[in-house]
Amino acid sequence: MGTAHQRKTLIFKTIDELCKQYPISRLCNYFELSRSGYYAWKKLGKPYYKNYDKDLASKILLLFNERKKGYRYITFQLKSKYKITRNPKTILRYMRILNIKSPIRKKKYFHY
């Protein structure tokens, strides 16, 4: 789901760079995308995400670098340290934007 969105965003950025040299309709046909999709992307100000808060993102990154934990832990820490209340799904979205993931712990090996 996220990779298709990133792919389209990358293609739209490429079309935006090449639109001075080639017609937009031709570029859209080449990349097999609709012209209306390109213009919709351009009208929205070419955002990767709406309402992106850089201050919140820096705090999430700071908390993640302290202890490499997941979005639930970071949500709890934001509430206790900075008095910032956000939906855990919002924190997860920011973590995906920042491309940070909590490490998966190894399962315990039980020998019998």
N, C-alpha and C. Protein backbone atom coordinates (compact mmCIF):
# COMPACT_ATOMS: atom_id res chain seq x y z
N MET A 1 0.83 -1.19 0.00
CA MET A 1 0.00 0.00 0.00
C MET A 1 0.87 1.26 0.00
N GLY A 2 1.83 1.35 0.91
CA GLY A 2 2.68 2.53 0.98
C GLY A 2 3.63 2.63 -0.19
N THR A 3 4.08 1.50 -0.72
CA THR A 3 5.05 1.53 -1.81
C THR A 3 4.41 2.04 -3.10
N ALA A 4 3.15 1.71 -3.35
CA ALA A 4 2.47 2.20 -4.55
C ALA A 4 2.32 3.71 -4.48
N HIS A 5 2.03 4.22 -3.29
CA HIS A 5 1.89 5.66 -3.09
C HIS A 5 3.24 6.35 -3.32
N GLN A 6 4.30 5.77 -2.78
CA GLN A 6 5.64 6.35 -2.95
C GLN A 6 6.05 6.32 -4.42
N ARG A 7 5.68 5.24 -5.12
CA ARG A 7 6.01 5.10 -6.54
C ARG A 7 5.33 6.20 -7.34
N LYS A 8 4.03 6.41 -7.06
CA LYS A 8 3.28 7.45 -7.78
C LYS A 8 3.86 8.83 -7.49
N THR A 9 4.20 9.08 -6.22
CA THR A 9 4.77 10.37 -5.86
C THR A 9 6.08 10.60 -6.60
N LEU A 10 6.90 9.58 -6.68
CA LEU A 10 8.16 9.68 -7.40
C LEU A 10 7.94 9.96 -8.88
N ILE A 11 6.97 9.28 -9.48
CA ILE A 11 6.65 9.49 -10.89
C ILE A 11 6.12 10.90 -11.11
N PHE A 12 5.25 11.37 -10.20
CA PHE A 12 4.72 12.73 -10.34
C PHE A 12 5.84 13.77 -10.24
N LYS A 13 6.81 13.53 -9.35
CA LYS A 13 7.95 14.45 -9.23
C LYS A 13 8.76 14.45 -10.52
N THR A 14 8.94 13.26 -11.10
CA THR A 14 9.67 13.15 -12.37
C THR A 14 8.95 13.90 -13.48
N ILE A 15 7.63 13.73 -13.55
CA ILE A 15 6.83 14.43 -14.55
C ILE A 15 6.96 15.94 -14.34
N ASP A 16 6.96 16.37 -13.08
CA ASP A 16 7.06 17.79 -12.76
C ASP A 16 8.39 18.37 -13.25
N GLU A 17 9.46 17.57 -13.16
CA GLU A 17 10.77 18.03 -13.62
C GLU A 17 10.86 18.05 -15.15
N LEU A 18 10.23 17.08 -15.80
CA LEU A 18 10.32 16.95 -17.25
C LEU A 18 9.26 17.74 -18.02
N CYS A 19 8.33 18.37 -17.31
CA CYS A 19 7.21 19.03 -18.01
C CYS A 19 7.67 20.24 -18.83
N LYS A 20 8.86 20.77 -18.55
CA LYS A 20 9.37 21.89 -19.34
C LYS A 20 9.90 21.43 -20.70
N GLN A 21 10.30 20.16 -20.77
CA GLN A 21 10.87 19.63 -22.02
C GLN A 21 9.84 18.90 -22.87
N TYR A 22 8.89 18.21 -22.22
CA TYR A 22 7.91 17.38 -22.94
C TYR A 22 6.50 17.75 -22.51
N PRO A 23 5.51 17.47 -23.35
CA PRO A 23 4.12 17.72 -22.96
C PRO A 23 3.69 16.79 -21.82
N ILE A 24 2.87 17.32 -20.93
CA ILE A 24 2.43 16.56 -19.76
C ILE A 24 1.61 15.35 -20.16
N SER A 25 0.76 15.51 -21.18
CA SER A 25 -0.07 14.37 -21.60
C SER A 25 0.79 13.21 -22.10
N ARG A 26 1.88 13.54 -22.80
CA ARG A 26 2.79 12.49 -23.28
C ARG A 26 3.49 11.78 -22.12
N LEU A 27 3.95 12.57 -21.15
CA LEU A 27 4.63 11.99 -19.99
C LEU A 27 3.68 11.08 -19.20
N CYS A 28 2.44 11.54 -19.02
CA CYS A 28 1.45 10.74 -18.29
C CYS A 28 1.14 9.45 -19.03
N ASN A 29 1.05 9.53 -20.37
CA ASN A 29 0.84 8.31 -21.15
C ASN A 29 2.02 7.35 -21.01
N TYR A 30 3.23 7.89 -21.02
CA TYR A 30 4.42 7.06 -20.89
C TYR A 30 4.46 6.32 -19.56
N PHE A 31 4.14 7.04 -18.48
CA PHE A 31 4.15 6.43 -17.14
C PHE A 31 2.84 5.73 -16.80
N GLU A 32 1.88 5.76 -17.73
CA GLU A 32 0.57 5.12 -17.56
C GLU A 32 -0.17 5.67 -16.34
N LEU A 33 -0.19 6.99 -16.24
CA LEU A 33 -0.93 7.67 -15.18
C LEU A 33 -1.87 8.68 -15.84
N SER A 34 -2.89 9.08 -15.10
CA SER A 34 -3.85 10.04 -15.66
C SER A 34 -3.33 11.46 -15.49
N ARG A 35 -3.68 12.30 -16.45
CA ARG A 35 -3.31 13.70 -16.36
C ARG A 35 -4.00 14.36 -15.17
N SER A 36 -5.25 13.97 -14.95
CA SER A 36 -6.00 14.56 -13.84
C SER A 36 -5.36 14.21 -12.50
N GLY A 37 -4.80 13.01 -12.40
CA GLY A 37 -4.10 12.60 -11.18
C GLY A 37 -2.88 13.47 -10.92
N TYR A 38 -2.15 13.76 -12.00
CA TYR A 38 -0.97 14.63 -11.89
C TYR A 38 -1.37 16.03 -11.43
N TYR A 39 -2.43 16.59 -12.07
CA TYR A 39 -2.86 17.94 -11.71
C TYR A 39 -3.44 18.00 -10.30
N ALA A 40 -4.09 16.92 -9.86
CA ALA A 40 -4.60 16.87 -8.48
C ALA A 40 -3.44 16.88 -7.50
N TRP A 41 -2.39 16.11 -7.82
CA TRP A 41 -1.20 16.08 -6.97
C TRP A 41 -0.54 17.45 -6.92
N LYS A 42 -0.48 18.12 -8.06
CA LYS A 42 0.15 19.42 -8.14
C LYS A 42 -0.65 20.48 -7.39
N LYS A 43 -1.98 20.39 -7.47
CA LYS A 43 -2.86 21.36 -6.81
C LYS A 43 -2.74 21.27 -5.29
N LEU A 44 -2.53 20.08 -4.78
CA LEU A 44 -2.43 19.90 -3.33
C LEU A 44 -1.10 20.38 -2.77
N GLY A 45 -0.28 20.98 -3.61
CA GLY A 45 0.99 21.50 -3.12
C GLY A 45 2.05 20.43 -3.04
N LYS A 46 1.87 19.35 -3.75
CA LYS A 46 2.82 18.25 -3.80
C LYS A 46 3.17 17.72 -2.41
N PRO A 47 2.18 17.48 -1.56
CA PRO A 47 2.51 17.02 -0.22
C PRO A 47 2.78 15.52 -0.21
N TYR A 48 3.66 15.10 0.68
CA TYR A 48 3.78 13.67 0.93
C TYR A 48 2.69 13.29 1.92
N TYR A 49 2.49 14.14 2.92
CA TYR A 49 1.38 13.98 3.86
C TYR A 49 0.88 15.36 4.24
N LYS A 50 -0.42 15.46 4.47
CA LYS A 50 -1.00 16.73 4.90
C LYS A 50 -0.72 16.93 6.39
N ASN A 51 -0.69 18.17 6.79
CA ASN A 51 -0.55 18.55 8.21
C ASN A 51 0.68 17.93 8.87
N TYR A 52 1.79 17.90 8.19
CA TYR A 52 3.02 17.33 8.73
C TYR A 52 3.64 18.33 9.69
N ASP A 53 3.82 17.91 10.94
CA ASP A 53 4.36 18.77 11.98
C ASP A 53 5.82 18.38 12.22
N LYS A 54 6.74 19.26 11.83
CA LYS A 54 8.17 18.95 11.96
C LYS A 54 8.60 18.87 13.42
N ASP A 55 7.98 19.68 14.27
CA ASP A 55 8.32 19.67 15.70
C ASP A 55 7.97 18.33 16.33
N LEU A 56 6.77 17.82 16.01
CA LEU A 56 6.35 16.52 16.52
C LEU A 56 7.25 15.41 15.97
N ALA A 57 7.61 15.51 14.70
CA ALA A 57 8.48 14.50 14.09
C ALA A 57 9.84 14.46 14.76
N SER A 58 10.39 15.63 15.10
CA SER A 58 11.70 15.66 15.76
C SER A 58 11.63 15.06 17.16
N LYS A 59 10.50 15.30 17.86
CA LYS A 59 10.35 14.72 19.20
C LYS A 59 10.20 13.19 19.13
N ILE A 60 9.48 12.71 18.12
CA ILE A 60 9.33 11.27 17.94
C ILE A 60 10.68 10.64 17.65
N LEU A 61 11.47 11.28 16.80
CA LEU A 61 12.79 10.78 16.46
C LEU A 61 13.71 10.78 17.68
N LEU A 62 13.61 11.82 18.49
CA LEU A 62 14.42 11.92 19.71
C LEU A 62 14.07 10.78 20.67
N LEU A 63 12.77 10.56 20.88
CA LEU A 63 12.33 9.49 21.79
C LEU A 63 12.71 8.11 21.25
N PHE A 64 12.64 7.94 19.94
CA PHE A 64 13.00 6.66 19.34
C PHE A 64 14.48 6.38 19.50
N ASN A 65 15.31 7.42 19.36
CA ASN A 65 16.76 7.23 19.49
C ASN A 65 17.18 6.95 20.93
N GLU A 66 16.38 7.43 21.90
CA GLU A 66 16.67 7.11 23.31
C GLU A 66 16.52 5.62 23.56
N ARG A 67 15.36 5.11 23.22
CA ARG A 67 15.07 3.68 23.36
C ARG A 67 14.31 3.25 22.12
N LYS A 68 14.82 2.31 21.42
CA LYS A 68 14.21 1.86 20.17
C LYS A 68 12.97 1.02 20.48
N LYS A 69 11.87 1.72 20.68
CA LYS A 69 10.60 1.07 20.99
C LYS A 69 9.57 1.42 19.93
N GLY A 70 8.39 0.84 20.04
CA GLY A 70 7.34 1.01 19.05
C GLY A 70 6.49 2.25 19.26
N TYR A 71 5.45 2.35 18.43
CA TYR A 71 4.61 3.55 18.45
C TYR A 71 3.81 3.68 19.74
N ARG A 72 3.47 2.57 20.37
CA ARG A 72 2.71 2.65 21.63
C ARG A 72 3.54 3.28 22.73
N TYR A 73 4.81 2.85 22.84
CA TYR A 73 5.72 3.40 23.83
C TYR A 73 5.98 4.89 23.57
N ILE A 74 6.18 5.24 22.30
CA ILE A 74 6.45 6.63 21.96
C ILE A 74 5.24 7.50 22.25
N THR A 75 4.04 6.99 21.98
CA THR A 75 2.81 7.72 22.31
C THR A 75 2.74 7.99 23.81
N PHE A 76 3.05 6.97 24.61
CA PHE A 76 3.04 7.10 26.06
C PHE A 76 4.07 8.12 26.53
N GLN A 77 5.27 8.08 25.96
CA GLN A 77 6.34 9.00 26.35
C GLN A 77 6.02 10.45 25.94
N LEU A 78 5.41 10.63 24.77
CA LEU A 78 5.01 11.98 24.36
C LEU A 78 4.01 12.57 25.35
N LYS A 79 3.11 11.71 25.83
CA LYS A 79 2.10 12.18 26.78
C LYS A 79 2.73 12.51 28.14
N SER A 80 3.65 11.66 28.60
CA SER A 80 4.22 11.87 29.93
C SER A 80 5.31 12.95 29.95
N LYS A 81 6.18 13.01 28.94
CA LYS A 81 7.28 13.98 28.94
C LYS A 81 6.87 15.34 28.41
N TYR A 82 6.19 15.36 27.27
CA TYR A 82 5.91 16.62 26.58
C TYR A 82 4.46 17.08 26.70
N LYS A 83 3.62 16.29 27.35
CA LYS A 83 2.18 16.60 27.49
C LYS A 83 1.51 16.76 26.12
N ILE A 84 1.95 15.94 25.15
CA ILE A 84 1.38 15.95 23.80
C ILE A 84 0.51 14.71 23.66
N THR A 85 -0.76 14.90 23.38
CA THR A 85 -1.67 13.79 23.20
C THR A 85 -2.00 13.66 21.72
N ARG A 86 -1.63 12.55 21.14
CA ARG A 86 -1.95 12.25 19.74
C ARG A 86 -2.46 10.82 19.66
N ASN A 87 -3.21 10.55 18.61
CA ASN A 87 -3.69 9.21 18.35
C ASN A 87 -2.48 8.32 18.04
N PRO A 88 -2.45 7.10 18.58
CA PRO A 88 -1.33 6.20 18.28
C PRO A 88 -1.14 5.94 16.78
N LYS A 89 -2.24 5.98 16.02
CA LYS A 89 -2.12 5.78 14.57
C LYS A 89 -1.38 6.94 13.92
N THR A 90 -1.53 8.14 14.49
CA THR A 90 -0.81 9.30 13.99
C THR A 90 0.69 9.12 14.22
N ILE A 91 1.05 8.62 15.41
CA ILE A 91 2.46 8.39 15.74
C ILE A 91 3.03 7.32 14.80
N LEU A 92 2.24 6.29 14.53
CA LEU A 92 2.67 5.25 13.61
C LEU A 92 2.89 5.82 12.21
N ARG A 93 2.02 6.72 11.78
CA ARG A 93 2.16 7.35 10.46
C ARG A 93 3.44 8.17 10.39
N TYR A 94 3.73 8.93 11.45
CA TYR A 94 4.97 9.71 11.50
C TYR A 94 6.19 8.79 11.47
N MET A 95 6.11 7.66 12.17
CA MET A 95 7.23 6.72 12.17
C MET A 95 7.45 6.14 10.78
N ARG A 96 6.37 5.91 10.04
CA ARG A 96 6.51 5.42 8.67
C ARG A 96 7.11 6.49 7.77
N ILE A 97 6.70 7.75 7.97
CA ILE A 97 7.27 8.85 7.19
C ILE A 97 8.77 8.97 7.47
N LEU A 98 9.15 8.87 8.75
CA LEU A 98 10.55 8.99 9.14
C LEU A 98 11.34 7.71 8.86
N ASN A 99 10.63 6.67 8.44
CA ASN A 99 11.24 5.38 8.10
C ASN A 99 11.96 4.76 9.29
N ILE A 100 11.30 4.78 10.46
CA ILE A 100 11.86 4.12 11.65
C ILE A 100 10.92 3.02 12.09
N LYS A 101 11.51 1.90 12.49
CA LYS A 101 10.74 0.75 12.94
C LYS A 101 11.34 0.23 14.23
N SER A 102 10.48 -0.25 15.11
CA SER A 102 11.00 -0.84 16.34
C SER A 102 11.57 -2.21 16.02
N PRO A 103 12.70 -2.56 16.65
CA PRO A 103 13.28 -3.87 16.38
C PRO A 103 12.41 -4.98 16.95
N ILE A 104 12.37 -6.09 16.26
CA ILE A 104 11.59 -7.23 16.71
C ILE A 104 12.48 -8.09 17.59
N ARG A 105 11.99 -8.37 18.79
CA ARG A 105 12.82 -9.15 19.70
C ARG A 105 12.79 -10.62 19.30
N LYS A 106 13.88 -11.31 19.64
CA LYS A 106 13.95 -12.73 19.33
C LYS A 106 13.04 -13.50 20.29
N LYS A 107 12.44 -14.55 19.77
CA LYS A 107 11.62 -15.39 20.63
C LYS A 107 12.52 -16.21 21.52
N LYS A 108 12.03 -16.47 22.72
CA LYS A 108 12.81 -17.29 23.66
C LYS A 108 12.82 -18.73 23.17
N TYR A 109 13.98 -19.33 23.29
CA TYR A 109 14.09 -20.73 22.90
C TYR A 109 13.86 -21.59 24.13
N PHE A 110 12.84 -22.40 24.06
CA PHE A 110 12.56 -23.30 25.19
C PHE A 110 13.04 -24.69 24.80
N HIS A 111 13.99 -25.20 25.58
CA HIS A 111 14.41 -26.58 25.34
C HIS A 111 13.74 -27.47 26.37
N TYR A 112 13.35 -28.63 25.92
CA TYR A 112 12.62 -29.52 26.81
C TYR A 112 13.44 -30.73 27.13
